[in-house]
């Protein structure tokens, strides 16, 4: 079997690949190859791992299975998959649920317990202490509207249960759905968006929806930046029409140096680090190895993408 590894793994993880090599295999590691030789190597592969350039896949005559090294697959949506039905594609769906959920909770707690403000005061060697206490809040029993019932949403729900929060989950097909948002938003203390990017979710939070949010609301986005009208969000933050925002994602990444979100004191930017953790790269390799074993034995890799449905 010829296998192309387009994922940039850590040197220490090479042993993980060695553990599943079989006699007769031919492995191509992109990070060991000059850039000019990578396409040629990929073109020989039956199996590939990594976010391969879409145009390579369309031209491949031998590829049968691609394991993406991401949850997102928007870069591949425009390929003519009706002509590529022989290729199985799997992604990292559910992989980032725990770290992203923890980032969402950390951002919420940073606001409510003034950790962000206290950190800035520490950098200034400035003691405020008692005067800050009346500005602090509790997560306890807050009303939360959570958009997204996938792995991230499920874990966030479990975390918020420990704080006795009243959580309303907005789902795709069972009530309440996105069409019910206008009735839900005015009562929410916290709004958490953990949505993928597609036609249905793009621009969900437009000017009208943002205007429905109450002044005390905290908006958290750990899904995709396209879910909200960013200009309207910035206006709401600047005018303090909403309490604040925790944004792991933005419409443009990296965020330009002169972008207004940098200077807003009521915005916490986690710079799309929500899925990160110490063993992230190694665990992604382990997902591929687990799926490779299934593939070798004639089974289907887990978390296959159905491009006709968009997920």
Foldseek 3Di string as FASTA:
>chain_A
DEEEEADDFDPVLVVVVVVPDDPPYHYHYVVVDDPVCRLVSVLVDQEYEEDDQLVSLLPRPRHQEYEYLAPDDVNNLPRPCVVVVSHWYFYCFLVLQVLLLVLQVVVVQCQQQVVVVVVVCVVVVHDDPPVCVVNHHALAQFEEEEEDDGSNVVVNVVVSVVSVYRYDYAYPPDPPHLVCLLVVQLRGQEYEYADEDDPVQFASAELVSVLSHALNHEYEYSHEQRNHDVVSVLVCQVVSRHQAYEYQYHNDPPDDPPDPLVPRPRYHYNRVCSRDDDCSSSVSSVLVVVQVVCVVVPHHRPRIDDSVVPD
